[in-house]
Each structure stands twice: as structure tokens, then as C-alpha cells.
Amino acid sequence: MATRRTFLAAGGLALASLALPAIVRGARPVEIRMLSTPRGEEAVDVGEPDGDFIVGDPGHEHIFIAGGIGVTPFRAILLDLDHRELPINATLLYANRNPDFVYKAEMDRLAGRHPRLVVRYLVSPERVTQSSIRGVSAGLAKPIFYVSGPEPFVDALGTMLTGLGVPDGQVKSDFFPGYDWS
């Protein structure tokens, strides 16, 4: 019997090949590898794209908050906007346990190409806080907030944004089940 898993295509629509991010457990530190399309007789059934974790108006102010591998959908969004030569008006708060940020070179390259894209890296023990959120936007009711990462991270940030007075309609969230946040 086949095992069913949900993955996010990390490359966005602009890339011709499929790449799937996966955490390889058992090694210290935890390692993140990109899984390529299978070879030989392995098969992958792919369904239609689904979800609402997308950017509507790219000119609107967006705050992306990523915990670890939760940066993956933001990479796909940013690569897609860049490929379509659309404006990027976003701040990425990218929290990670260590300074080995996945996609850091790409994020830095995109920020260099798009003056309204700001990337802020937070290395543990530094965390996303109310202060760091307030520091990236003059008014918290204006931007659309996107939160992605392990489920406890996403839940905690959703509660924090509500406590800051961000309207529910201005928050989109996407979590990666099964990833430890401790």
C-alpha cells in the first residue's frame, strides 16, 4: 500500500524541475536535503496545486515569518514574483536554530534585486517577538502576515499576532506537521 504525504514544491512555478525539501533525522545537527525527482521505477503521483497560502496583490505590504524549513513556501512565492518581474514588497523574518539558513544565498540575491524586500535572519536564542514584529511595519493592521513553520511555531505566532491587534483576515498560516520546534 502506498504512503500518502503532502509536500511543497520548493521551486515555485518558475523552475522546470521538481525539488522537495526533507529533513533527514538521526544526524546532528538535523540535516535538510533537497530530494530530486525519483529515478528508475519509483513513481510519484502528483495532484493539482491546492491551497490559499499565496500572495494576492504583490504591491501590497507583506510580512513573511518563517520558522526553519517554513521558509520553503516563501522561497517559492519570491522566486515566482521575481520570475514574473512583479514588485516584491515584503519583509521576511526568518528564525532558525543555527546560522545554517536554508536558501540564504537565494534570499540575499533576491533582496539585492528587489529594494522593497528586506530579509532579517534570527538565530536561536533570538526569536520572533512582539518587538521584532512591530519593528518591521509602521502599522500592524495594514500588512498581510504569512506565518510558516512547525505547527507549534505557527500557533504561537498566530496568538502573538492576535495579541498585537492584527486582524484575523490579515493573517495566513501554513504549518509543517511532524517537525519539532523545541
Protein backbone atom coordinates (compact mmCIF):
# COMPACT_ATOMS: atom_id res chain seq x y z
CA MET A 1 0.00 0.00 0.00
CA ALA A 2 1.31 3.43 -0.93
CA THR A 3 2.13 6.01 1.70
CA ARG A 4 0.49 9.39 1.12
CA ARG A 5 2.47 12.51 2.00
CA THR A 6 1.90 16.18 1.30
CA PHE A 7 4.93 18.08 0.08
CA LEU A 8 5.53 21.59 -1.05
CA ALA A 9 7.26 22.06 -4.39
CA ALA A 10 10.14 24.25 -3.24
CA GLY A 11 10.97 25.78 -6.58
CA GLY A 12 7.82 27.68 -7.37
CA LEU A 13 6.32 27.74 -10.82
CA ALA A 14 9.38 29.31 -12.42
CA LEU A 15 11.65 26.27 -12.16
CA ALA A 16 11.46 23.37 -14.59
CA SER A 17 12.45 20.64 -12.14
CA LEU A 18 10.77 19.37 -9.02
CA ALA A 19 12.58 19.67 -5.71
CA LEU A 20 11.15 18.60 -2.38
CA PRO A 21 12.66 19.72 0.92
CA ALA A 22 13.01 16.99 3.51
CA ILE A 23 14.55 16.74 6.94
CA VAL A 24 16.97 13.85 7.41
CA ARG A 25 16.77 12.74 11.02
CA GLY A 26 19.34 10.84 13.02
CA ALA A 27 22.29 13.10 12.31
CA ARG A 28 23.30 16.03 14.47
CA PRO A 29 22.63 18.70 13.53
CA VAL A 30 19.42 17.83 11.72
CA GLU A 31 20.10 17.98 8.01
CA ILE A 32 17.82 19.38 5.33
CA ARG A 33 18.27 17.98 1.84
CA MET A 34 16.53 18.62 -1.43
CA LEU A 35 15.01 15.45 -2.80
CA SER A 36 15.09 15.30 -6.59
CA THR A 37 12.55 13.58 -8.77
CA PRO A 38 12.81 9.80 -8.40
CA ARG A 39 14.90 7.63 -10.68
CA GLY A 40 14.27 4.19 -12.08
CA GLU A 41 10.99 2.51 -11.25
CA GLU A 42 9.99 4.79 -8.40
CA ALA A 43 6.80 6.75 -9.01
CA VAL A 44 5.31 9.89 -7.61
CA ASP A 45 1.64 10.72 -8.08
CA VAL A 46 1.15 14.46 -8.15
CA GLY A 47 -2.21 16.12 -7.59
CA GLU A 48 -3.45 19.52 -8.63
CA PRO A 49 -1.99 22.56 -6.87
CA ASP A 50 -4.06 23.38 -3.82
CA GLY A 51 -4.12 25.93 -1.04
CA ASP A 52 -4.55 29.59 -0.30
CA PHE A 53 -1.08 30.43 1.01
CA ILE A 54 -0.49 32.79 -1.90
CA VAL A 55 0.20 36.47 -2.46
CA GLY A 56 -2.73 38.34 -3.99
CA ASP A 57 -1.60 41.88 -4.81
CA PRO A 58 2.22 41.83 -4.92
CA GLY A 59 2.35 45.59 -4.41
CA HIS A 60 0.64 45.30 -1.01
CA GLU A 61 2.87 45.15 2.09
CA HIS A 62 3.60 41.57 3.18
CA ILE A 63 5.31 40.28 6.32
CA PHE A 64 6.62 36.71 5.96
CA ILE A 65 7.52 34.95 9.22
CA ALA A 66 9.38 31.66 8.80
CA GLY A 67 10.50 29.10 11.35
CA GLY A 68 13.21 26.81 9.93
CA ILE A 69 12.01 24.82 6.92
CA GLY A 70 8.91 27.03 6.95
CA VAL A 71 10.86 29.35 4.65
CA THR A 72 10.13 26.99 1.74
CA PRO A 73 6.78 28.50 0.64
CA PHE A 74 8.27 31.99 0.88
CA ARG A 75 11.11 30.93 -1.41
CA ALA A 76 8.57 29.64 -3.92
CA ILE A 77 6.49 32.84 -3.69
CA LEU A 78 9.51 35.13 -4.05
CA LEU A 79 11.00 33.18 -6.95
CA ASP A 80 7.66 33.26 -8.73
CA LEU A 81 7.25 37.03 -8.27
CA ASP A 82 10.84 37.59 -9.39
CA HIS A 83 10.38 35.34 -12.45
CA ARG A 84 7.21 37.22 -13.46
CA GLU A 85 9.03 40.54 -12.87
CA LEU A 86 6.39 41.67 -10.39
CA PRO A 87 7.12 44.02 -7.49
CA ILE A 88 8.12 42.47 -4.19
CA ASN A 89 7.05 44.49 -1.15
CA ALA A 90 7.87 42.15 1.72
CA THR A 91 9.83 41.67 4.89
CA LEU A 92 10.96 38.16 5.77
CA LEU A 93 11.66 37.39 9.43
CA TYR A 94 13.48 34.06 9.18
CA ALA A 95 14.13 32.29 12.51
CA ASN A 96 16.40 29.27 12.69
CA ARG A 97 18.09 27.22 15.41
CA ASN A 98 21.54 27.75 13.91
CA PRO A 99 23.20 30.06 11.36
CA ASP A 100 22.82 27.49 8.55
CA PHE A 101 19.82 29.13 6.88
CA VAL A 102 18.29 27.14 4.03
CA TYR A 103 18.12 29.25 0.84
CA LYS A 104 20.11 32.12 2.41
CA ALA A 105 22.11 32.84 -0.76
CA GLU A 106 18.92 32.95 -2.82
CA MET A 107 17.15 35.19 -0.31
CA ASP A 108 20.11 37.57 -0.25
CA ARG A 109 20.25 37.61 -4.07
CA LEU A 110 16.51 38.37 -4.29
CA ALA A 111 16.82 41.13 -1.68
CA GLY A 112 19.64 42.63 -3.75
CA ARG A 113 17.42 42.67 -6.83
CA HIS A 114 14.30 44.00 -5.08
CA PRO A 115 14.81 47.09 -2.91
CA ARG A 116 11.47 46.61 -1.12
CA LEU A 117 12.39 43.08 0.00
CA VAL A 118 14.02 43.02 3.43
CA VAL A 119 15.33 39.79 4.95
CA ARG A 120 16.11 39.60 8.67
CA TYR A 121 17.77 36.44 9.98
CA LEU A 122 17.18 35.45 13.61
CA VAL A 123 19.47 32.78 15.09
CA SER A 124 18.48 30.99 18.31
CA PRO A 125 18.34 32.07 21.09
CA GLU A 126 16.97 35.16 19.28
CA ARG A 127 13.31 34.64 18.48
CA VAL A 128 10.47 36.34 16.67
CA THR A 129 8.96 38.61 19.31
CA GLN A 130 6.30 41.28 19.53
CA SER A 131 9.10 43.84 19.34
CA SER A 132 10.65 42.34 16.19
CA ILE A 133 7.23 42.24 14.54
CA ARG A 134 6.46 45.86 15.49
CA GLY A 135 9.90 46.82 14.18
CA VAL A 136 9.17 45.77 10.59
CA SER A 137 5.94 47.66 9.96
CA ALA A 138 4.67 51.10 10.93
CA GLY A 139 1.09 49.89 11.28
CA LEU A 140 0.18 46.29 12.09
CA ALA A 141 -3.32 46.48 10.59
CA LYS A 142 -2.01 47.31 7.10
CA PRO A 143 0.29 44.43 6.00
CA ILE A 144 -0.76 40.88 5.32
CA PHE A 145 1.11 38.47 7.62
CA TYR A 146 2.13 34.99 6.47
CA VAL A 147 3.43 32.52 9.06
CA SER A 148 5.02 29.19 8.13
CA GLY A 149 6.96 26.58 10.06
CA PRO A 150 6.43 23.78 12.58
CA GLU A 151 2.87 23.68 13.92
CA PRO A 152 3.73 24.94 17.45
CA PHE A 153 5.66 27.87 15.93
CA VAL A 154 2.73 28.81 13.69
CA ASP A 155 0.24 28.51 16.56
CA ALA A 156 2.39 30.66 18.87
CA LEU A 157 2.87 33.34 16.20
CA GLY A 158 -0.86 33.36 15.41
CA THR A 159 -1.59 34.01 19.09
CA MET A 160 1.11 36.69 19.21
CA LEU A 161 -0.28 38.49 16.13
CA THR A 162 -3.80 38.40 17.59
CA GLY A 163 -2.43 39.88 20.82
CA LEU A 164 -0.81 42.66 18.79
CA GLY A 165 -4.19 43.52 17.31
CA VAL A 166 -3.56 42.20 13.81
CA PRO A 167 -6.99 41.46 12.27
CA ASP A 168 -7.61 37.74 11.63
CA GLY A 169 -8.24 38.48 7.94
CA GLN A 170 -4.69 39.83 7.64
CA VAL A 171 -3.03 36.57 8.80
CA LYS A 172 -2.39 33.49 6.65
CA SER A 173 -0.70 30.45 8.09
CA ASP A 174 0.78 27.20 6.86
CA PHE A 175 2.42 24.63 9.11
CA PHE A 176 4.66 21.64 8.57
CA PRO A 177 3.37 18.75 10.71
CA GLY A 178 5.80 16.44 12.45
CA TYR A 179 8.66 18.90 12.89
CA ASP A 180 9.92 19.60 16.38
CA TRP A 181 10.11 23.23 17.46
CA SER A 182 11.76 22.95 20.86
